[in-house]
C-alpha atoms as a PDB file:
ATOM      1  CA  MET A   1      33.639 115.238 109.022  1.00  0.00           C
ATOM      2  CA  ASN A   2      36.701 113.466 107.682  1.00  0.00           C
ATOM      3  CA  LYS A   3      36.567 110.271 105.682  1.00  0.00           C
ATOM      4  CA  VAL A   4      38.545 107.428 107.215  1.00  0.00           C
ATOM      5  CA  LYS A   5      40.117 104.687 105.109  1.00  0.00           C
ATOM      6  CA  ILE A   6      40.272 101.278 106.768  1.00  0.00           C
ATOM      7  CA  THR A   7      42.819  98.831 105.329  1.00  0.00           C
ATOM      8  CA  VAL A   8      43.439  95.208 106.282  1.00  0.00           C
ATOM      9  CA  ILE A   9      47.182  95.040 106.921  1.00  0.00           C
ATOM     10  CA  ARG A  10      47.618  91.546 108.337  1.00  0.00           C
ATOM     11  CA  LYS A  11      45.463  88.513 108.994  1.00  0.00           C
ATOM     12  CA  THR A  12      46.746  85.590 111.020  1.00  0.00           C
ATOM     13  CA  GLU A  13      45.508  82.419 112.688  1.00  0.00           C
ATOM     14  CA  TYR A  14      46.523  80.494 115.780  1.00  0.00           C
ATOM     15  CA  PRO A  15      45.678  76.838 115.005  1.00  0.00           C
ATOM     16  CA  ASP A  16      47.166  75.665 118.303  1.00  0.00           C
ATOM     17  CA  LEU A  17      44.746  77.874 120.258  1.00  0.00           C
ATOM     18  CA  MET A  18      41.836  76.831 118.029  1.00  0.00           C
ATOM     19  CA  ALA A  19      42.614  73.161 118.679  1.00  0.00           C
ATOM     20  CA  LEU A  20      42.733  73.708 122.425  1.00  0.00           C
ATOM     21  CA  TYR A  21      39.813  76.069 122.989  1.00  0.00           C
ATOM     22  CA  GLU A  22      37.534  76.687 120.019  1.00  0.00           C
ATOM     23  CA  ASN A  23      34.405  74.765 119.145  1.00  0.00           C
ATOM     24  CA  PRO A  24      34.329  73.908 115.438  1.00  0.00           C
ATOM     25  CA  ILE A  25      32.585  76.596 113.393  1.00  0.00           C
ATOM     26  CA  GLU A  26      31.551  76.601 109.742  1.00  0.00           C
ATOM     27  CA  HIS A  27      32.168  80.224 108.821  1.00  0.00           C
ATOM     28  CA  THR A  28      35.061  82.444 109.825  1.00  0.00           C
ATOM     29  CA  CYS A  29      36.414  85.832 108.804  1.00  0.00           C
ATOM     30  CA  ASP A  30      36.240  86.655 105.080  1.00  0.00           C
ATOM     31  CA  VAL A  31      38.572  89.665 104.968  1.00  0.00           C
ATOM     32  CA  ARG A  32      41.772  89.569 102.936  1.00  0.00           C
ATOM     33  CA  GLU A  33      44.985  91.521 103.315  1.00  0.00           C
ATOM     34  CA  GLY A  34      44.829  94.747 101.325  1.00  0.00           C
ATOM     35  CA  GLN A  35      41.031  94.959 101.465  1.00  0.00           C
ATOM     36  CA  GLN A  36      39.771  98.508 102.088  1.00  0.00           C
ATOM     37  CA  TRP A  37      36.656 100.370 103.161  1.00  0.00           C
ATOM     38  CA  ILE A  38      35.862 104.058 103.524  1.00  0.00           C
ATOM     39  CA  SER A  39      33.987 105.246 106.587  1.00  0.00           C
ATOM     40  CA  GLU A  40      31.952 108.391 105.970  1.00  0.00           C
ATOM     41  CA  GLY A  41      30.596 110.359 108.893  1.00  0.00           C
ATOM     42  CA  GLY A  42      32.201 107.931 111.333  1.00  0.00           C
ATOM     43  CA  GLN A  43      29.778 105.194 110.275  1.00  0.00           C
ATOM     44  CA  ARG A  44      30.466 101.476 109.750  1.00  0.00           C
ATOM     45  CA  PRO A  45      31.121 100.867 106.065  1.00  0.00           C
ATOM     46  CA  LYS A  46      28.854  98.474 104.213  1.00  0.00           C
ATOM     47  CA  GLY A  47      30.270  94.960 104.265  1.00  0.00           C
ATOM     48  CA  MET A  48      32.488  95.421 107.301  1.00  0.00           C
ATOM     49  CA  CYS A  49      32.294  92.765 110.008  1.00  0.00           C
ATOM     50  CA  PRO A  50      30.236  94.164 112.913  1.00  0.00           C
ATOM     51  CA  SER A  51      32.582  92.613 115.484  1.00  0.00           C
ATOM     52  CA  ALA A  52      35.685  94.138 113.857  1.00  0.00           C
ATOM     53  CA  TRP A  53      33.850  97.463 113.648  1.00  0.00           C
ATOM     54  CA  GLU A  54      33.191  97.440 117.397  1.00  0.00           C
ATOM     55  CA  SER A  55      36.935  97.044 117.970  1.00  0.00           C
ATOM     56  CA  MET A  56      37.732 100.175 115.960  1.00  0.00           C
ATOM     57  CA  ARG A  57      34.553 102.291 116.122  1.00  0.00           C
ATOM     58  CA  GLU A  58      35.749 104.804 118.729  1.00  0.00           C
ATOM     59  CA  PHE A  59      39.005 105.411 116.852  1.00  0.00           C
ATOM     60  CA  VAL A  60      37.214 105.875 113.514  1.00  0.00           C
ATOM     61  CA  GLU A  61      34.694 108.259 115.085  1.00  0.00           C
ATOM     62  CA  SER A  62      37.507 110.298 116.674  1.00  0.00           C
ATOM     63  CA  LEU A  63      39.460 110.491 113.404  1.00  0.00           C
ATOM     64  CA  ALA A  64      36.287 111.484 111.555  1.00  0.00           C
ATOM     65  CA  ARG A  65      35.844 114.384 113.998  1.00  0.00           C
ATOM     66  CA  GLY A  66      39.425 115.537 113.350  1.00  0.00           C
ATOM     67  CA  GLU A  67      40.808 114.180 116.585  1.00  0.00           C
ATOM     68  CA  GLY A  68      43.939 112.071 116.599  1.00  0.00           C
ATOM     69  CA  ASN A  69      47.341 111.793 118.228  1.00  0.00           C
ATOM     70  CA  PHE A  70      46.146 108.809 120.250  1.00  0.00           C
ATOM     71  CA  PHE A  71      48.230 107.898 123.290  1.00  0.00           C
ATOM     72  CA  ASP A  72      50.505 110.958 122.942  1.00  0.00           C
ATOM     73  CA  GLY A  73      52.298 110.197 119.707  1.00  0.00           C
ATOM     74  CA  TRP A  74      51.740 106.460 119.323  1.00  0.00           C
ATOM     75  CA  MET A  75      51.532 106.633 115.510  1.00  0.00           C
ATOM     76  CA  ARG A  76      53.948 108.327 113.089  1.00  0.00           C
ATOM     77  CA  ASN A  77      50.904 109.770 111.344  1.00  0.00           C
ATOM     78  CA  PRO A  78      48.910 111.377 114.177  1.00  0.00           C
ATOM     79  CA  MET A  79      45.709 111.071 112.130  1.00  0.00           C
ATOM     80  CA  SER A  80      45.888 107.273 112.009  1.00  0.00           C
ATOM     81  CA  ALA A  81      45.667 104.172 114.216  1.00  0.00           C
ATOM     82  CA  MET A  82      46.512 100.465 114.005  1.00  0.00           C
ATOM     83  CA  ILE A  83      43.699  98.420 115.508  1.00  0.00           C
ATOM     84  CA  SER A  84      43.094  94.670 115.745  1.00  0.00           C
ATOM     85  CA  CYS A  85      39.765  92.901 115.829  1.00  0.00           C
ATOM     86  CA  ASN A  86      38.869  91.031 118.979  1.00  0.00           C
ATOM     87  CA  ASP A  87      39.058  87.471 117.568  1.00  0.00           C
ATOM     88  CA  GLY A  88      41.789  85.828 119.629  1.00  0.00           C
ATOM     89  CA  PHE A  89      41.986  82.879 117.225  1.00  0.00           C
ATOM     90  CA  ARG A  90      42.119  84.880 113.958  1.00  0.00           C
ATOM     91  CA  PRO A  91      43.267  88.441 114.718  1.00  0.00           C
ATOM     92  CA  VAL A  92      43.163  90.950 111.887  1.00  0.00           C
ATOM     93  CA  SER A  93      45.170  94.196 111.996  1.00  0.00           C
ATOM     94  CA  PHE A  94      43.500  97.246 110.462  1.00  0.00           C
ATOM     95  CA  TYR A  95      45.203 100.529 109.588  1.00  0.00           C
ATOM     96  CA  LEU A  96      42.878 103.516 109.994  1.00  0.00           C
ATOM     97  CA  GLU A  97      43.792 106.823 108.364  1.00  0.00           C
ATOM     98  CA  VAL A  98      42.108 110.109 107.555  1.00  0.00           C
ATOM     99  CA  ILE A  99      41.978 110.691 103.815  1.00  0.00           C
ATOM    100  CA  GLU A 100      41.649 113.873 101.847  1.00  0.00           C
ATOM    101  CA  GLU A 101      39.202 113.881  98.947  1.00  0.00           C
END
């Protein structure tokens, strides 16, 4: 199986939406732009947010199996994907790519 590198490309917040809809919470997302993990065997890397993982799991598993070219040529690199976590208040964009080692 291929190894898949997962890189945080962008992290943003929508304070206006938080003010309107979110209950106050003490702890939010800890990831930082540029942070990376390596998925081996299509498994969630240690330290990765379980919720973010669920947003990308199927893509990582497919890339690990050597599948790609999602949505008929969506990405310039067919063995990659750009996926966002499912937090509507603090979305994080992750770039997934097969790596050679």
